[in-house]
Amino acid sequence: MADNAVTSTDTGSSPREHNSAGGPKAIIKNVDMTEEMQQESVEIASAALEKYTIEKDIAAQIKKEFDRRHGPTWHVVVGKNFGSYVTHETKHFIYFYVGSLAILIWKS
């Protein structure tokens, strides 16, 4: 059984910036994930943002790609105004912005 942690999204956390290859800059707000997986998260999200404009479709694409690459069960929220309080597997949580769009990804 995987270790779990509870994390809330908090705009007060210190942000870190990540660039996908030539894509928009991502501002990481809260994270419990390896550096490699953080970069992968930004790349997957950037690709979904290029392909879709509807938030639900962006979230679905990100989830499908994470489930394919890392096995189920991943959850994704994409939007401009939401709060959260989630339980996630240790080292499987990221909350970041690309432009004005917030992206929350976690595994449970």
N, C-alpha and C. Protein backbone atom coordinates (compact mmCIF):
# COMPACT_ATOMS: atom_id res chain seq x y z
N MET A 1 0.84 -1.16 0.00
CA MET A 1 0.00 0.00 0.00
C MET A 1 0.89 1.24 0.00
N ALA A 2 0.53 2.24 -0.80
CA ALA A 2 1.32 3.46 -0.92
C ALA A 2 1.09 4.37 0.28
N ASP A 3 2.13 5.15 0.60
CA ASP A 3 1.98 6.16 1.64
C ASP A 3 1.11 7.28 1.10
N ASN A 4 0.31 7.89 1.97
CA ASN A 4 -0.58 8.96 1.57
C ASN A 4 -0.23 10.24 2.29
N ALA A 5 -0.57 11.36 1.68
CA ALA A 5 -0.41 12.67 2.29
C ALA A 5 -1.64 13.49 1.95
N VAL A 6 -1.94 14.48 2.75
CA VAL A 6 -3.05 15.38 2.49
C VAL A 6 -2.46 16.73 2.15
N THR A 7 -2.90 17.31 1.03
CA THR A 7 -2.37 18.59 0.59
C THR A 7 -3.51 19.48 0.13
N SER A 8 -3.42 20.75 0.46
CA SER A 8 -4.38 21.73 -0.04
C SER A 8 -3.64 22.67 -0.98
N THR A 9 -4.37 23.22 -1.94
CA THR A 9 -3.76 24.22 -2.80
C THR A 9 -3.70 25.52 -2.04
N ASP A 10 -2.57 26.18 -2.12
CA ASP A 10 -2.34 27.39 -1.33
C ASP A 10 -1.56 28.38 -2.17
N THR A 11 -2.18 29.48 -2.51
CA THR A 11 -1.49 30.47 -3.33
C THR A 11 -0.37 31.17 -2.57
N GLY A 12 -0.25 30.92 -1.27
CA GLY A 12 0.80 31.54 -0.47
C GLY A 12 2.12 30.80 -0.52
N SER A 13 2.17 29.61 -1.11
CA SER A 13 3.42 28.87 -1.16
C SER A 13 4.39 29.53 -2.13
N SER A 14 5.67 29.32 -1.92
CA SER A 14 6.66 29.97 -2.78
C SER A 14 6.70 29.27 -4.13
N PRO A 15 6.49 30.03 -5.21
CA PRO A 15 6.45 29.43 -6.54
C PRO A 15 7.84 29.16 -7.10
N ARG A 16 7.91 28.15 -7.99
CA ARG A 16 9.12 27.87 -8.76
C ARG A 16 8.70 27.80 -10.21
N GLU A 17 9.58 28.23 -11.10
CA GLU A 17 9.25 28.25 -12.52
C GLU A 17 9.86 27.05 -13.23
N HIS A 18 9.09 26.51 -14.18
CA HIS A 18 9.56 25.44 -15.06
C HIS A 18 9.20 25.83 -16.47
N ASN A 19 10.06 25.54 -17.40
CA ASN A 19 9.77 25.74 -18.81
C ASN A 19 9.64 24.40 -19.48
N SER A 20 8.57 24.22 -20.27
CA SER A 20 8.55 23.06 -21.14
C SER A 20 9.38 23.46 -22.36
N ALA A 21 9.75 22.52 -23.18
CA ALA A 21 10.62 22.79 -24.31
C ALA A 21 9.98 23.82 -25.24
N GLY A 22 10.38 25.08 -25.11
CA GLY A 22 9.85 26.12 -25.98
C GLY A 22 8.43 26.54 -25.66
N GLY A 23 7.81 25.93 -24.67
CA GLY A 23 6.42 26.22 -24.34
C GLY A 23 6.29 27.31 -23.30
N PRO A 24 5.07 27.53 -22.85
CA PRO A 24 4.85 28.56 -21.84
C PRO A 24 5.49 28.19 -20.50
N LYS A 25 5.79 29.21 -19.73
CA LYS A 25 6.40 29.02 -18.42
C LYS A 25 5.35 28.52 -17.43
N ALA A 26 5.71 27.54 -16.64
CA ALA A 26 4.81 27.03 -15.59
C ALA A 26 5.31 27.53 -14.25
N ILE A 27 4.39 28.00 -13.42
CA ILE A 27 4.71 28.45 -12.07
C ILE A 27 4.22 27.39 -11.10
N ILE A 28 5.14 26.67 -10.47
CA ILE A 28 4.78 25.60 -9.54
C ILE A 28 4.48 26.22 -8.18
N LYS A 29 3.26 25.98 -7.69
CA LYS A 29 2.81 26.56 -6.43
C LYS A 29 2.99 25.61 -5.25
N ASN A 30 2.76 24.33 -5.47
CA ASN A 30 2.85 23.33 -4.40
C ASN A 30 3.17 22.00 -5.06
N VAL A 31 4.09 21.24 -4.48
CA VAL A 31 4.51 20.01 -5.14
C VAL A 31 5.03 19.00 -4.14
N ASP A 32 4.72 17.74 -4.40
CA ASP A 32 5.31 16.59 -3.72
C ASP A 32 5.54 15.56 -4.83
N MET A 33 6.65 15.74 -5.57
CA MET A 33 6.89 14.97 -6.79
C MET A 33 8.36 15.12 -7.15
N THR A 34 8.94 14.12 -7.80
CA THR A 34 10.33 14.22 -8.24
C THR A 34 10.48 15.32 -9.29
N GLU A 35 11.69 15.83 -9.43
CA GLU A 35 11.97 16.86 -10.44
C GLU A 35 11.62 16.36 -11.84
N GLU A 36 11.96 15.10 -12.11
CA GLU A 36 11.70 14.54 -13.43
C GLU A 36 10.20 14.50 -13.72
N MET A 37 9.42 14.06 -12.73
CA MET A 37 7.98 13.98 -12.93
C MET A 37 7.36 15.38 -13.00
N GLN A 38 7.94 16.35 -12.30
CA GLN A 38 7.46 17.73 -12.40
C GLN A 38 7.61 18.23 -13.84
N GLN A 39 8.78 18.00 -14.42
CA GLN A 39 9.02 18.42 -15.80
C GLN A 39 8.06 17.71 -16.75
N GLU A 40 7.86 16.43 -16.52
CA GLU A 40 6.93 15.66 -17.35
C GLU A 40 5.51 16.22 -17.22
N SER A 41 5.11 16.61 -16.01
CA SER A 41 3.78 17.18 -15.79
C SER A 41 3.58 18.45 -16.61
N VAL A 42 4.58 19.31 -16.59
CA VAL A 42 4.50 20.56 -17.35
C VAL A 42 4.43 20.27 -18.84
N GLU A 43 5.22 19.32 -19.32
CA GLU A 43 5.22 18.98 -20.74
C GLU A 43 3.88 18.40 -21.17
N ILE A 44 3.32 17.48 -20.38
CA ILE A 44 2.02 16.87 -20.70
C ILE A 44 0.93 17.93 -20.70
N ALA A 45 0.94 18.81 -19.70
CA ALA A 45 -0.06 19.87 -19.61
C ALA A 45 0.07 20.84 -20.78
N SER A 46 1.28 21.21 -21.13
CA SER A 46 1.50 22.14 -22.25
C SER A 46 0.98 21.55 -23.55
N ALA A 47 1.22 20.26 -23.77
CA ALA A 47 0.71 19.60 -24.97
C ALA A 47 -0.82 19.59 -24.99
N ALA A 48 -1.44 19.34 -23.85
CA ALA A 48 -2.91 19.35 -23.77
C ALA A 48 -3.46 20.75 -24.02
N LEU A 49 -2.77 21.78 -23.51
CA LEU A 49 -3.20 23.16 -23.73
C LEU A 49 -3.09 23.57 -25.19
N GLU A 50 -2.12 23.03 -25.90
CA GLU A 50 -1.98 23.31 -27.33
C GLU A 50 -3.09 22.65 -28.14
N LYS A 51 -3.54 21.49 -27.68
CA LYS A 51 -4.53 20.70 -28.42
C LYS A 51 -5.97 21.11 -28.12
N TYR A 52 -6.26 21.52 -26.88
CA TYR A 52 -7.64 21.79 -26.45
C TYR A 52 -7.76 23.18 -25.86
N THR A 53 -9.00 23.73 -25.91
CA THR A 53 -9.28 25.02 -25.29
C THR A 53 -10.28 24.90 -24.14
N ILE A 54 -11.05 23.83 -24.09
CA ILE A 54 -12.04 23.62 -23.04
C ILE A 54 -11.35 22.93 -21.86
N GLU A 55 -11.54 23.49 -20.66
CA GLU A 55 -10.84 23.01 -19.47
C GLU A 55 -11.08 21.53 -19.20
N LYS A 56 -12.31 21.06 -19.37
CA LYS A 56 -12.64 19.64 -19.16
C LYS A 56 -11.84 18.75 -20.11
N ASP A 57 -11.68 19.18 -21.35
CA ASP A 57 -10.93 18.41 -22.34
C ASP A 57 -9.43 18.41 -22.02
N ILE A 58 -8.93 19.54 -21.54
CA ILE A 58 -7.52 19.62 -21.14
C ILE A 58 -7.26 18.65 -19.99
N ALA A 59 -8.15 18.67 -18.98
CA ALA A 59 -8.00 17.78 -17.82
C ALA A 59 -8.07 16.32 -18.24
N ALA A 60 -9.01 15.99 -19.13
CA ALA A 60 -9.16 14.60 -19.58
C ALA A 60 -7.90 14.12 -20.30
N GLN A 61 -7.32 14.96 -21.15
CA GLN A 61 -6.10 14.58 -21.87
C GLN A 61 -4.94 14.35 -20.91
N ILE A 62 -4.78 15.24 -19.93
CA ILE A 62 -3.70 15.09 -18.95
C ILE A 62 -3.88 13.79 -18.17
N LYS A 63 -5.09 13.53 -17.70
CA LYS A 63 -5.37 12.31 -16.93
C LYS A 63 -5.07 11.06 -17.75
N LYS A 64 -5.56 11.02 -18.98
CA LYS A 64 -5.33 9.85 -19.84
C LYS A 64 -3.83 9.59 -20.02
N GLU A 65 -3.07 10.66 -20.22
CA GLU A 65 -1.63 10.50 -20.43
C GLU A 65 -0.92 10.03 -19.16
N PHE A 66 -1.31 10.56 -18.00
CA PHE A 66 -0.71 10.11 -16.74
C PHE A 66 -1.09 8.65 -16.45
N ASP A 67 -2.35 8.29 -16.65
CA ASP A 67 -2.76 6.90 -16.45
C ASP A 67 -1.98 5.96 -17.37
N ARG A 68 -1.76 6.39 -18.62
CA ARG A 68 -1.04 5.57 -19.58
C ARG A 68 0.43 5.41 -19.17
N ARG A 69 1.07 6.49 -18.77
CA ARG A 69 2.50 6.45 -18.45
C ARG A 69 2.80 5.89 -17.07
N HIS A 70 1.92 6.15 -16.10
CA HIS A 70 2.23 5.83 -14.70
C HIS A 70 1.19 4.94 -14.03
N GLY A 71 0.24 4.40 -14.79
CA GLY A 71 -0.79 3.55 -14.21
C GLY A 71 -1.84 4.37 -13.47
N PRO A 72 -3.03 3.78 -13.29
CA PRO A 72 -4.09 4.50 -12.59
C PRO A 72 -3.77 4.60 -11.10
N THR A 73 -4.35 5.42 -10.35
CA THR A 73 -5.50 6.25 -10.63
C THR A 73 -5.12 7.71 -10.40
N TRP A 74 -5.02 8.48 -11.49
CA TRP A 74 -4.67 9.90 -11.44
C TRP A 74 -5.93 10.74 -11.50
N HIS A 75 -5.87 11.93 -10.89
CA HIS A 75 -6.97 12.88 -10.90
C HIS A 75 -6.41 14.22 -11.35
N VAL A 76 -7.22 14.96 -12.12
CA VAL A 76 -6.76 16.24 -12.67
C VAL A 76 -7.88 17.26 -12.58
N VAL A 77 -7.54 18.46 -12.10
CA VAL A 77 -8.46 19.59 -12.10
C VAL A 77 -7.77 20.72 -12.86
N VAL A 78 -8.50 21.33 -13.79
CA VAL A 78 -7.98 22.45 -14.57
C VAL A 78 -8.99 23.58 -14.49
N GLY A 79 -8.54 24.78 -14.15
CA GLY A 79 -9.46 25.91 -14.10
C GLY A 79 -8.80 27.17 -13.59
N LYS A 80 -9.63 28.22 -13.48
CA LYS A 80 -9.13 29.52 -13.05
C LYS A 80 -9.53 29.87 -11.63
N ASN A 81 -10.48 29.16 -11.05
CA ASN A 81 -10.96 29.52 -9.72
C ASN A 81 -11.48 28.29 -8.99
N PHE A 82 -10.64 27.68 -8.16
CA PHE A 82 -11.06 26.54 -7.37
C PHE A 82 -10.16 26.40 -6.15
N GLY A 83 -10.68 25.75 -5.15
CA GLY A 83 -9.89 25.38 -3.99
C GLY A 83 -9.87 23.87 -3.91
N SER A 84 -8.95 23.32 -3.15
CA SER A 84 -8.88 21.86 -3.04
C SER A 84 -8.28 21.45 -1.71
N TYR A 85 -8.57 20.22 -1.35
CA TYR A 85 -7.98 19.57 -0.18
C TYR A 85 -8.04 18.09 -0.49
N VAL A 86 -6.91 17.50 -0.90
CA VAL A 86 -6.92 16.14 -1.43
C VAL A 86 -5.94 15.25 -0.68
N THR A 87 -6.23 13.96 -0.67
CA THR A 87 -5.31 12.94 -0.18
C THR A 87 -4.63 12.33 -1.40
N HIS A 88 -3.31 12.25 -1.36
CA HIS A 88 -2.57 11.74 -2.51
C HIS A 88 -1.47 10.80 -2.05
N GLU A 89 -1.04 9.95 -2.97
CA GLU A 89 0.12 9.11 -2.69
C GLU A 89 1.35 10.02 -2.55
N THR A 90 2.24 9.66 -1.66
CA THR A 90 3.47 10.40 -1.48
C THR A 90 4.23 10.46 -2.81
N LYS A 91 4.77 11.63 -3.12
CA LYS A 91 5.53 11.89 -4.35
C LYS A 91 4.66 11.85 -5.61
N HIS A 92 3.36 12.08 -5.47
CA HIS A 92 2.45 12.05 -6.62
C HIS A 92 1.45 13.21 -6.56
N PHE A 93 1.95 14.45 -6.41
CA PHE A 93 1.08 15.62 -6.33
C PHE A 93 1.81 16.82 -6.92
N ILE A 94 1.08 17.59 -7.74
CA ILE A 94 1.62 18.86 -8.24
C ILE A 94 0.48 19.82 -8.51
N TYR A 95 0.72 21.08 -8.17
CA TYR A 95 -0.23 22.17 -8.41
C TYR A 95 0.56 23.31 -9.02
N PHE A 96 0.19 23.69 -10.26
CA PHE A 96 0.93 24.74 -10.94
C PHE A 96 0.03 25.55 -11.86
N TYR A 97 0.56 26.68 -12.29
CA TYR A 97 -0.13 27.56 -13.24
C TYR A 97 0.63 27.58 -14.55
N VAL A 98 -0.12 27.61 -15.64
CA VAL A 98 0.41 27.95 -16.95
C VAL A 98 -0.42 29.14 -17.40
N GLY A 99 0.17 30.30 -17.44
CA GLY A 99 -0.60 31.52 -17.67
C GLY A 99 -1.57 31.72 -16.51
N SER A 100 -2.84 31.96 -16.84
CA SER A 100 -3.85 32.18 -15.79
C SER A 100 -4.59 30.89 -15.42
N LEU A 101 -4.20 29.78 -16.01
CA LEU A 101 -4.89 28.50 -15.80
C LEU A 101 -4.15 27.66 -14.75
N ALA A 102 -4.87 27.26 -13.71
CA ALA A 102 -4.31 26.41 -12.66
C ALA A 102 -4.51 24.95 -13.04
N ILE A 103 -3.52 24.12 -12.72
CA ILE A 103 -3.58 22.68 -13.01
C ILE A 103 -3.16 21.94 -11.75
N LEU A 104 -4.03 21.04 -11.32
CA LEU A 104 -3.81 20.23 -10.12
C LEU A 104 -3.83 18.77 -10.56
N ILE A 105 -2.76 18.03 -10.26
CA ILE A 105 -2.63 16.63 -10.66
C ILE A 105 -2.20 15.84 -9.43
N TRP A 106 -2.92 14.73 -9.14
CA TRP A 106 -2.52 13.88 -8.02
C TRP A 106 -2.96 12.45 -8.27
N LYS A 107 -2.28 11.54 -7.60
CA LYS A 107 -2.59 10.12 -7.69
C LYS A 107 -3.08 9.64 -6.34
N SER A 108 -4.12 8.78 -6.38
CA SER A 108 -4.61 8.20 -5.12
C SER A 108 -4.84 6.71 -5.29
